[in-house]
N, C-alpha and C. Protein backbone atom coordinates (compact mmCIF):
# COMPACT_ATOMS: atom_id res chain seq x y z
N MET A 1 145.15 107.75 137.23
CA MET A 1 145.74 106.43 137.31
C MET A 1 145.24 105.69 138.55
N HIS A 2 144.98 106.42 139.63
CA HIS A 2 144.52 105.78 140.85
C HIS A 2 143.13 105.16 140.68
N ILE A 3 142.27 105.82 139.94
CA ILE A 3 140.92 105.27 139.74
C ILE A 3 140.99 103.97 138.94
N LEU A 4 141.92 103.88 137.99
CA LEU A 4 142.08 102.65 137.22
C LEU A 4 142.54 101.51 138.12
N LEU A 5 143.47 101.81 139.00
CA LEU A 5 143.96 100.80 139.94
C LEU A 5 142.84 100.36 140.89
N ILE A 6 142.05 101.30 141.34
CA ILE A 6 140.92 100.97 142.22
C ILE A 6 139.92 100.08 141.50
N LEU A 7 139.58 100.42 140.24
CA LEU A 7 138.66 99.59 139.46
C LEU A 7 139.23 98.18 139.28
N CYS A 8 140.49 98.12 139.02
CA CYS A 8 141.17 96.84 138.82
C CYS A 8 141.09 96.01 140.10
N LEU A 9 141.38 96.63 141.23
CA LEU A 9 141.35 95.91 142.50
C LEU A 9 139.93 95.51 142.88
N VAL A 10 138.94 96.33 142.56
CA VAL A 10 137.54 95.97 142.84
C VAL A 10 137.15 94.73 142.05
N THR A 11 137.56 94.65 140.78
CA THR A 11 137.22 93.46 139.99
C THR A 11 137.98 92.24 140.53
N TRP A 12 139.17 92.45 141.05
CA TRP A 12 139.96 91.36 141.62
C TRP A 12 139.24 90.80 142.85
N VAL A 13 138.75 91.68 143.71
CA VAL A 13 138.00 91.26 144.89
C VAL A 13 136.71 90.56 144.48
N ALA A 14 136.02 91.12 143.49
CA ALA A 14 134.78 90.49 143.00
C ALA A 14 135.07 89.10 142.44
N PHE A 15 136.17 88.98 141.73
CA PHE A 15 136.59 87.69 141.19
C PHE A 15 136.82 86.68 142.32
N PHE A 16 137.55 87.10 143.33
CA PHE A 16 137.83 86.22 144.47
C PHE A 16 136.54 85.79 145.16
N LEU A 17 135.65 86.74 145.38
CA LEU A 17 134.38 86.43 146.04
C LEU A 17 133.55 85.45 145.21
N GLU A 18 133.46 85.70 143.91
CA GLU A 18 132.68 84.81 143.04
C GLU A 18 133.31 83.42 143.00
N GLU A 19 134.60 83.37 142.90
CA GLU A 19 135.29 82.09 142.68
C GLU A 19 135.39 81.24 143.94
N PHE A 20 135.54 81.86 145.11
CA PHE A 20 135.83 81.08 146.31
C PHE A 20 134.85 81.26 147.46
N VAL A 21 133.97 82.25 147.41
CA VAL A 21 133.06 82.50 148.53
C VAL A 21 131.61 82.22 148.16
N LEU A 22 131.12 82.84 147.08
CA LEU A 22 129.71 82.68 146.71
C LEU A 22 129.36 81.23 146.38
N ILE A 23 130.21 80.59 145.63
CA ILE A 23 130.03 79.17 145.31
C ILE A 23 131.37 78.50 145.60
N ARG A 24 131.40 77.71 146.64
CA ARG A 24 132.66 77.06 147.02
C ARG A 24 133.00 75.97 146.01
N PRO A 25 134.20 76.05 145.46
CA PRO A 25 134.57 75.06 144.46
C PRO A 25 134.88 73.70 145.08
N VAL A 26 134.59 72.65 144.32
CA VAL A 26 134.94 71.29 144.70
C VAL A 26 136.04 70.86 143.74
N SER A 27 137.19 70.51 144.28
CA SER A 27 138.31 70.11 143.43
C SER A 27 138.31 68.61 143.22
N THR A 28 138.35 68.22 141.96
CA THR A 28 138.50 66.81 141.59
C THR A 28 139.76 66.64 140.75
N ILE A 29 140.67 67.59 140.88
CA ILE A 29 141.89 67.55 140.07
C ILE A 29 142.65 66.25 140.30
N ALA A 30 142.71 65.79 141.54
CA ALA A 30 143.46 64.57 141.85
C ALA A 30 142.92 63.35 141.09
N GLN A 31 141.63 63.36 140.74
CA GLN A 31 141.05 62.23 140.02
C GLN A 31 141.09 62.42 138.51
N SER A 32 141.52 63.58 138.05
CA SER A 32 141.57 63.86 136.61
C SER A 32 142.75 63.15 135.97
N ALA A 33 142.68 63.03 134.66
CA ALA A 33 143.80 62.47 133.90
C ALA A 33 145.02 63.39 134.03
N PRO A 34 146.23 62.85 133.85
CA PRO A 34 147.45 63.65 134.05
C PRO A 34 147.49 64.96 133.25
N LEU A 35 147.11 64.93 131.97
CA LEU A 35 147.13 66.16 131.18
C LEU A 35 146.16 67.18 131.75
N SER A 36 144.96 66.74 132.09
CA SER A 36 143.98 67.63 132.68
C SER A 36 144.49 68.21 134.00
N GLN A 37 145.14 67.38 134.81
CA GLN A 37 145.70 67.86 136.07
C GLN A 37 146.69 69.01 135.84
N ARG A 38 147.59 68.81 134.89
CA ARG A 38 148.60 69.84 134.61
C ARG A 38 147.95 71.13 134.12
N LEU A 39 146.97 71.00 133.24
CA LEU A 39 146.29 72.18 132.72
C LEU A 39 145.52 72.91 133.81
N GLU A 40 144.80 72.17 134.64
CA GLU A 40 144.03 72.78 135.73
C GLU A 40 144.95 73.50 136.71
N LYS A 41 146.05 72.88 137.06
CA LYS A 41 147.00 73.52 137.99
C LYS A 41 147.61 74.76 137.37
N THR A 42 147.92 74.69 136.09
CA THR A 42 148.46 75.86 135.39
C THR A 42 147.41 76.97 135.35
N ALA A 43 146.16 76.60 135.08
CA ALA A 43 145.08 77.58 135.04
C ALA A 43 144.84 78.21 136.41
N PHE A 44 145.19 77.50 137.45
CA PHE A 44 145.00 78.01 138.81
C PHE A 44 146.11 78.99 139.21
N TRP A 45 147.34 78.75 138.77
CA TRP A 45 148.47 79.57 139.21
C TRP A 45 148.93 80.63 138.21
N LEU A 46 148.94 80.33 136.95
CA LEU A 46 149.49 81.27 135.97
C LEU A 46 148.72 82.59 135.86
N PRO A 47 147.40 82.57 135.72
CA PRO A 47 146.69 83.86 135.63
C PRO A 47 146.88 84.79 136.84
N PRO A 48 146.84 84.28 138.08
CA PRO A 48 147.08 85.21 139.19
C PRO A 48 148.47 85.86 139.15
N ILE A 49 149.46 85.11 138.69
CA ILE A 49 150.80 85.68 138.55
C ILE A 49 150.76 86.77 137.48
N GLY A 50 150.11 86.49 136.36
CA GLY A 50 149.96 87.49 135.30
C GLY A 50 149.20 88.72 135.77
N MET A 51 148.17 88.50 136.60
CA MET A 51 147.40 89.63 137.14
C MET A 51 148.30 90.48 138.04
N GLY A 52 149.09 89.83 138.87
CA GLY A 52 149.99 90.56 139.76
C GLY A 52 151.00 91.40 138.99
N ILE A 53 151.60 90.82 137.98
CA ILE A 53 152.58 91.56 137.17
C ILE A 53 151.89 92.71 136.43
N THR A 54 150.68 92.45 135.95
CA THR A 54 149.92 93.49 135.25
C THR A 54 149.69 94.69 136.17
N VAL A 55 149.29 94.42 137.39
CA VAL A 55 149.05 95.52 138.35
C VAL A 55 150.36 96.21 138.74
N LEU A 56 151.40 95.41 138.98
CA LEU A 56 152.68 95.99 139.42
C LEU A 56 153.34 96.86 138.35
N THR A 57 152.99 96.65 137.09
CA THR A 57 153.61 97.42 136.01
C THR A 57 152.69 98.53 135.49
N ILE A 58 151.68 98.89 136.25
CA ILE A 58 150.74 99.93 135.82
C ILE A 58 151.43 101.26 135.56
N ASN A 59 152.40 101.62 136.36
CA ASN A 59 153.07 102.91 136.18
C ASN A 59 153.93 102.95 134.92
N ILE A 60 154.36 101.80 134.45
CA ILE A 60 155.20 101.74 133.25
C ILE A 60 154.36 101.58 131.98
N PHE A 61 153.41 100.64 132.03
CA PHE A 61 152.66 100.29 130.82
C PHE A 61 151.19 100.68 130.84
N GLY A 62 150.68 101.10 131.99
CA GLY A 62 149.26 101.38 132.11
C GLY A 62 148.91 102.82 131.80
N GLY A 63 147.63 103.10 131.75
CA GLY A 63 147.17 104.45 131.54
C GLY A 63 145.80 104.50 130.92
N VAL A 64 145.28 105.69 130.82
CA VAL A 64 143.98 105.89 130.18
C VAL A 64 144.20 105.78 128.68
N ARG A 65 143.43 104.92 128.03
CA ARG A 65 143.59 104.66 126.60
C ARG A 65 142.35 105.08 125.84
N LEU A 66 142.56 105.79 124.74
CA LEU A 66 141.47 106.29 123.89
C LEU A 66 140.40 106.99 124.71
N ALA A 67 140.83 107.93 125.50
CA ALA A 67 139.94 108.73 126.36
C ALA A 67 139.11 107.86 127.31
N GLY A 68 139.66 106.72 127.71
CA GLY A 68 138.99 105.85 128.67
C GLY A 68 138.12 104.78 128.04
N ILE A 69 137.98 104.79 126.73
CA ILE A 69 137.12 103.80 126.06
C ILE A 69 137.67 102.38 126.27
N ILE A 70 138.97 102.22 126.09
CA ILE A 70 139.59 100.90 126.28
C ILE A 70 139.45 100.46 127.73
N ASN A 71 139.66 101.38 128.66
CA ASN A 71 139.54 101.05 130.08
C ASN A 71 138.10 100.64 130.43
N GLY A 72 137.13 101.37 129.89
CA GLY A 72 135.73 101.03 130.11
C GLY A 72 135.37 99.68 129.50
N LEU A 73 135.91 99.40 128.31
CA LEU A 73 135.70 98.11 127.67
C LEU A 73 136.26 96.99 128.56
N GLY A 74 137.42 97.24 129.14
CA GLY A 74 138.02 96.26 130.05
C GLY A 74 137.13 95.97 131.24
N LEU A 75 136.58 97.02 131.82
CA LEU A 75 135.67 96.86 132.96
C LEU A 75 134.43 96.07 132.54
N LEU A 76 133.87 96.39 131.39
CA LEU A 76 132.71 95.68 130.88
C LEU A 76 133.01 94.20 130.67
N LEU A 77 134.16 93.89 130.07
CA LEU A 77 134.54 92.49 129.85
C LEU A 77 134.69 91.74 131.17
N CYS A 78 135.29 92.40 132.16
CA CYS A 78 135.44 91.76 133.48
C CYS A 78 134.09 91.49 134.11
N LEU A 79 133.20 92.46 134.06
CA LEU A 79 131.88 92.28 134.66
C LEU A 79 131.08 91.20 133.93
N LEU A 80 131.16 91.18 132.60
CA LEU A 80 130.50 90.12 131.83
C LEU A 80 131.07 88.76 132.19
N GLY A 81 132.38 88.70 132.30
CA GLY A 81 133.04 87.44 132.67
C GLY A 81 132.62 86.96 134.04
N LEU A 82 132.59 87.87 135.00
CA LEU A 82 132.18 87.49 136.36
C LEU A 82 130.72 87.01 136.39
N GLY A 83 129.85 87.74 135.70
CA GLY A 83 128.44 87.35 135.67
C GLY A 83 128.23 86.01 134.99
N LEU A 84 128.90 85.80 133.87
CA LEU A 84 128.76 84.54 133.14
C LEU A 84 129.34 83.38 133.95
N ARG A 85 130.45 83.61 134.62
CA ARG A 85 131.06 82.55 135.43
C ARG A 85 130.10 82.15 136.56
N TYR A 86 129.54 83.12 137.25
CA TYR A 86 128.62 82.83 138.34
C TYR A 86 127.39 82.09 137.83
N TRP A 87 126.82 82.58 136.74
CA TRP A 87 125.63 81.95 136.15
C TRP A 87 125.94 80.51 135.74
N SER A 88 127.07 80.31 135.10
CA SER A 88 127.46 78.97 134.64
C SER A 88 127.59 78.01 135.80
N ARG A 89 128.24 78.46 136.84
CA ARG A 89 128.45 77.59 138.01
C ARG A 89 127.13 77.30 138.72
N ARG A 90 126.25 78.29 138.79
CA ARG A 90 124.95 78.07 139.44
C ARG A 90 124.11 77.05 138.66
N ILE A 91 124.12 77.15 137.36
CA ILE A 91 123.35 76.23 136.52
C ILE A 91 123.88 74.80 136.66
N LEU A 92 125.21 74.64 136.67
CA LEU A 92 125.77 73.29 136.79
C LEU A 92 125.53 72.68 138.16
N GLY A 93 125.44 73.52 139.18
CA GLY A 93 125.19 73.01 140.53
C GLY A 93 126.25 72.04 140.97
N ARG A 94 125.84 70.87 141.44
CA ARG A 94 126.80 69.90 141.99
C ARG A 94 127.72 69.31 140.93
N PHE A 95 127.38 69.49 139.66
CA PHE A 95 128.24 68.97 138.60
C PHE A 95 129.43 69.89 138.30
N PHE A 96 129.44 71.08 138.92
CA PHE A 96 130.60 71.96 138.71
C PHE A 96 131.73 71.51 139.61
N THR A 97 132.86 71.19 139.01
CA THR A 97 134.06 70.85 139.77
C THR A 97 135.26 71.50 139.11
N ILE A 98 136.32 71.59 139.88
CA ILE A 98 137.60 72.00 139.32
C ILE A 98 138.34 70.70 139.05
N GLY A 99 138.38 70.32 137.82
CA GLY A 99 138.91 69.03 137.40
C GLY A 99 137.89 68.37 136.49
N VAL A 100 138.35 67.48 135.65
CA VAL A 100 137.48 66.85 134.66
C VAL A 100 137.27 65.39 135.06
N VAL A 101 136.13 65.12 135.67
CA VAL A 101 135.79 63.75 136.06
C VAL A 101 134.30 63.52 135.87
N LYS A 102 133.93 62.28 135.63
CA LYS A 102 132.52 61.91 135.58
C LYS A 102 132.06 61.67 137.01
N GLN A 103 130.92 62.25 137.36
CA GLN A 103 130.39 62.10 138.70
C GLN A 103 129.26 61.08 138.72
N GLU A 104 128.89 60.65 139.90
CA GLU A 104 127.77 59.74 140.05
C GLU A 104 126.50 60.42 139.51
N ASP A 105 125.73 59.71 138.72
CA ASP A 105 124.49 60.23 138.12
C ASP A 105 124.72 61.48 137.28
N HIS A 106 125.88 61.57 136.65
CA HIS A 106 126.24 62.75 135.87
C HIS A 106 125.25 62.95 134.73
N GLN A 107 124.80 64.19 134.58
CA GLN A 107 123.87 64.54 133.52
C GLN A 107 124.49 65.62 132.64
N VAL A 108 124.06 65.66 131.41
CA VAL A 108 124.48 66.72 130.49
C VAL A 108 123.53 67.89 130.71
N ILE A 109 124.06 69.00 131.17
CA ILE A 109 123.26 70.20 131.43
C ILE A 109 123.18 70.99 130.13
N GLN A 110 121.95 71.33 129.72
CA GLN A 110 121.76 72.03 128.45
C GLN A 110 120.86 73.25 128.60
N ASN A 111 120.79 73.83 129.79
CA ASN A 111 120.00 75.04 129.96
C ASN A 111 120.92 76.19 130.42
N GLY A 112 120.33 77.36 130.57
CA GLY A 112 121.14 78.53 130.91
C GLY A 112 122.13 78.80 129.80
N PRO A 113 123.35 79.20 130.14
CA PRO A 113 124.35 79.48 129.10
C PRO A 113 124.77 78.23 128.33
N TYR A 114 124.50 77.06 128.90
CA TYR A 114 124.86 75.80 128.25
C TYR A 114 123.96 75.48 127.06
N ARG A 115 122.91 76.25 126.85
CA ARG A 115 122.09 76.11 125.64
C ARG A 115 122.91 76.49 124.41
N LEU A 116 123.78 77.48 124.58
CA LEU A 116 124.51 78.03 123.44
C LEU A 116 125.94 77.50 123.31
N VAL A 117 126.61 77.35 124.45
CA VAL A 117 128.00 76.90 124.41
C VAL A 117 128.23 75.84 125.49
N ARG A 118 129.17 74.94 125.20
CA ARG A 118 129.43 73.86 126.14
C ARG A 118 130.35 74.28 127.29
N HIS A 119 131.09 75.36 127.13
CA HIS A 119 132.07 75.74 128.14
C HIS A 119 131.96 77.23 128.51
N PRO A 120 130.78 77.66 128.96
CA PRO A 120 130.62 79.08 129.28
C PRO A 120 131.47 79.54 130.47
N ALA A 121 131.80 78.65 131.39
CA ALA A 121 132.63 79.05 132.53
C ALA A 121 134.06 79.38 132.07
N TYR A 122 134.55 78.64 131.07
CA TYR A 122 135.86 78.96 130.52
C TYR A 122 135.80 80.25 129.69
N LEU A 123 134.72 80.42 128.95
CA LEU A 123 134.54 81.67 128.21
C LEU A 123 134.55 82.85 129.18
N ALA A 124 133.91 82.66 130.32
CA ALA A 124 133.86 83.72 131.33
C ALA A 124 135.27 84.09 131.81
N PHE A 125 136.08 83.07 132.09
CA PHE A 125 137.47 83.34 132.48
C PHE A 125 138.20 84.11 131.38
N MET A 126 137.99 83.69 130.14
CA MET A 126 138.69 84.33 129.03
C MET A 126 138.28 85.79 128.89
N LEU A 127 137.00 86.08 129.07
CA LEU A 127 136.55 87.48 129.03
C LEU A 127 137.18 88.29 130.16
N TYR A 128 137.17 87.69 131.36
CA TYR A 128 137.73 88.39 132.52
C TYR A 128 139.23 88.66 132.32
N TYR A 129 139.97 87.64 131.89
CA TYR A 129 141.42 87.81 131.74
C TYR A 129 141.79 88.70 130.55
N LEU A 130 140.90 88.89 129.62
CA LEU A 130 141.11 89.88 128.56
C LEU A 130 140.81 91.28 129.09
N GLY A 131 139.75 91.41 129.86
CA GLY A 131 139.35 92.72 130.37
C GLY A 131 140.26 93.27 131.44
N PHE A 132 140.83 92.41 132.27
CA PHE A 132 141.63 92.86 133.41
C PHE A 132 142.76 93.82 133.02
N PRO A 133 143.63 93.48 132.07
CA PRO A 133 144.67 94.45 131.72
C PRO A 133 144.14 95.69 131.00
N LEU A 134 143.00 95.54 130.32
CA LEU A 134 142.43 96.69 129.62
C LEU A 134 141.90 97.74 130.60
N ILE A 135 141.42 97.29 131.77
CA ILE A 135 140.92 98.25 132.77
C ILE A 135 141.99 99.28 133.08
N ILE A 136 143.22 98.82 133.24
CA ILE A 136 144.29 99.76 133.58
C ILE A 136 145.12 100.16 132.36
N GLY A 137 144.64 99.77 131.18
CA GLY A 137 145.31 100.16 129.95
C GLY A 137 146.71 99.59 129.81
N ASN A 138 146.94 98.40 130.37
CA ASN A 138 148.27 97.81 130.37
C ASN A 138 148.39 96.78 129.25
N TRP A 139 149.05 97.20 128.17
CA TRP A 139 149.20 96.33 127.01
C TRP A 139 150.09 95.14 127.31
N LEU A 140 151.04 95.29 128.22
CA LEU A 140 151.89 94.16 128.60
C LEU A 140 151.03 93.05 129.21
N GLY A 141 150.00 93.43 129.95
CA GLY A 141 149.10 92.46 130.55
C GLY A 141 148.41 91.57 129.53
N LEU A 142 148.20 92.09 128.34
CA LEU A 142 147.60 91.26 127.29
C LEU A 142 148.54 90.11 126.92
N LEU A 143 149.85 90.38 126.97
CA LEU A 143 150.84 89.36 126.63
C LEU A 143 151.11 88.39 127.78
N ILE A 144 151.15 88.90 129.01
CA ILE A 144 151.53 88.03 130.13
C ILE A 144 150.34 87.44 130.89
N LEU A 145 149.15 87.96 130.65
CA LEU A 145 147.95 87.42 131.30
C LEU A 145 146.97 86.88 130.28
N SER A 146 146.48 87.71 129.40
CA SER A 146 145.41 87.32 128.48
C SER A 146 145.82 86.19 127.55
N LEU A 147 146.91 86.35 126.85
CA LEU A 147 147.34 85.35 125.87
C LEU A 147 147.59 83.98 126.51
N PRO A 148 148.41 83.90 127.57
CA PRO A 148 148.60 82.58 128.19
C PRO A 148 147.30 81.98 128.73
N ALA A 149 146.45 82.80 129.33
CA ALA A 149 145.19 82.30 129.87
C ALA A 149 144.32 81.73 128.74
N TRP A 150 144.26 82.43 127.63
CA TRP A 150 143.45 81.95 126.50
C TRP A 150 143.98 80.60 125.99
N VAL A 151 145.29 80.48 125.89
CA VAL A 151 145.88 79.21 125.42
C VAL A 151 145.52 78.08 126.38
N ILE A 152 145.65 78.33 127.67
CA ILE A 152 145.33 77.31 128.68
C ILE A 152 143.87 76.90 128.57
N PHE A 153 142.96 77.86 128.51
CA PHE A 153 141.54 77.52 128.50
C PHE A 153 141.10 76.89 127.18
N LEU A 154 141.68 77.30 126.07
CA LEU A 154 141.36 76.64 124.80
C LEU A 154 141.78 75.17 124.84
N TRP A 155 142.95 74.92 125.41
CA TRP A 155 143.45 73.56 125.54
C TRP A 155 142.56 72.76 126.49
N LEU A 156 142.18 73.37 127.60
CA LEU A 156 141.29 72.71 128.56
C LEU A 156 139.95 72.34 127.90
N ILE A 157 139.43 73.22 127.07
CA ILE A 157 138.17 72.95 126.38
C ILE A 157 138.29 71.71 125.51
N ILE A 158 139.37 71.60 124.78
CA ILE A 158 139.58 70.44 123.90
C ILE A 158 139.68 69.16 124.73
N VAL A 159 140.48 69.21 125.80
CA VAL A 159 140.66 68.04 126.67
C VAL A 159 139.34 67.66 127.35
N GLU A 160 138.64 68.64 127.89
CA GLU A 160 137.39 68.36 128.60
C GLU A 160 136.31 67.84 127.65
N ASP A 161 136.21 68.41 126.46
CA ASP A 161 135.22 67.95 125.49
C ASP A 161 135.46 66.48 125.13
N LYS A 162 136.71 66.14 124.90
CA LYS A 162 137.05 64.76 124.55
C LYS A 162 136.71 63.82 125.72
N HIS A 163 137.05 64.23 126.93
CA HIS A 163 136.77 63.39 128.10
C HIS A 163 135.27 63.21 128.32
N LEU A 164 134.51 64.29 128.24
CA LEU A 164 133.07 64.21 128.49
C LEU A 164 132.36 63.39 127.41
N ALA A 165 132.81 63.51 126.17
CA ALA A 165 132.21 62.71 125.09
C ALA A 165 132.41 61.22 125.35
N LYS A 166 133.58 60.88 125.85
CA LYS A 166 133.87 59.48 126.15
C LYS A 166 133.14 59.03 127.42
N ALA A 167 133.18 59.84 128.46
CA ALA A 167 132.61 59.46 129.75
C ALA A 167 131.08 59.46 129.76
N LEU A 168 130.48 60.43 129.07
CA LEU A 168 129.01 60.56 129.10
C LEU A 168 128.33 59.94 127.88
N GLY A 169 129.13 59.60 126.89
CA GLY A 169 128.62 58.87 125.74
C GLY A 169 127.68 59.63 124.83
N LYS A 170 126.67 58.91 124.35
CA LYS A 170 125.78 59.41 123.31
C LYS A 170 125.10 60.74 123.67
N GLU A 171 124.68 60.90 124.92
CA GLU A 171 123.99 62.13 125.31
C GLU A 171 124.89 63.35 125.10
N TYR A 172 126.15 63.24 125.50
CA TYR A 172 127.06 64.38 125.31
C TYR A 172 127.43 64.54 123.85
N GLN A 173 127.58 63.46 123.14
CA GLN A 173 127.91 63.53 121.71
C GLN A 173 126.79 64.21 120.93
N GLU A 174 125.54 63.95 121.29
CA GLU A 174 124.40 64.64 120.67
C GLU A 174 124.43 66.13 121.02
N TYR A 175 124.75 66.42 122.25
CA TYR A 175 124.86 67.82 122.70
C TYR A 175 125.93 68.55 121.91
N GLN A 176 127.04 67.87 121.64
CA GLN A 176 128.13 68.47 120.85
C GLN A 176 127.66 68.87 119.45
N LYS A 177 126.73 68.11 118.90
CA LYS A 177 126.27 68.36 117.54
C LYS A 177 125.48 69.67 117.40
N HIS A 178 124.81 70.11 118.47
CA HIS A 178 123.98 71.31 118.36
C HIS A 178 124.44 72.46 119.27
N SER A 179 125.65 72.36 119.80
CA SER A 179 126.16 73.47 120.62
C SER A 179 127.62 73.72 120.24
N ALA A 180 128.02 74.96 120.43
CA ALA A 180 129.41 75.33 120.14
C ALA A 180 130.27 75.10 121.37
N LYS A 181 131.57 74.91 121.15
CA LYS A 181 132.47 74.77 122.29
C LYS A 181 132.53 76.07 123.09
N LEU A 182 132.70 77.18 122.37
CA LEU A 182 132.97 78.45 123.06
C LEU A 182 132.21 79.63 122.50
N ILE A 183 132.10 79.71 121.18
CA ILE A 183 131.46 80.84 120.52
C ILE A 183 130.37 80.32 119.60
N PRO A 184 129.11 80.66 119.86
CA PRO A 184 128.01 80.13 119.04
C PRO A 184 128.23 80.32 117.55
N ARG A 185 127.99 79.25 116.81
CA ARG A 185 128.08 79.21 115.34
C ARG A 185 129.49 79.41 114.80
N ILE A 186 130.48 79.50 115.67
CA ILE A 186 131.85 79.69 115.19
C ILE A 186 132.74 78.54 115.62
N TRP A 187 132.82 78.27 116.94
CA TRP A 187 133.67 77.19 117.45
C TRP A 187 133.16 76.69 118.76
């Protein structure tokens, strides 16, 4: 059980480093529309609370699952999520913000992971928040972390897509026609 907790904490530290140290986020939440503001703030606070509860309940709900296969899958999902998030943010460069706003000289980025999906950074979060409870085999974490996080990010994708189509016009609308929101060829 201790090794699972250590793996979980290592991914937590890696998440923090990727999210706040390697690439410093620029917040534009204050300039976002009210619905976007509420969603962004919820996305900022709710998952960490779910992560904390998931870790705190490891002794009750956690454990090695299917001879460690589920735990290993969780670690893989977290690592994929972290890598995709970092890659997505690096590709967007100065256009990456926390908040949905049109920036000066805003361009539609269509390379890197954005060739396939319009919201790879949100997909990355979703992979990470699915993997996190699986690392420690905590099924409760799927309910209090993964499910709420997925709902928040799916809603954010819809709101952001609508805003970007309006703000960036024809270029983004053309991009929407040949790229998926989240999962290539599905949605």
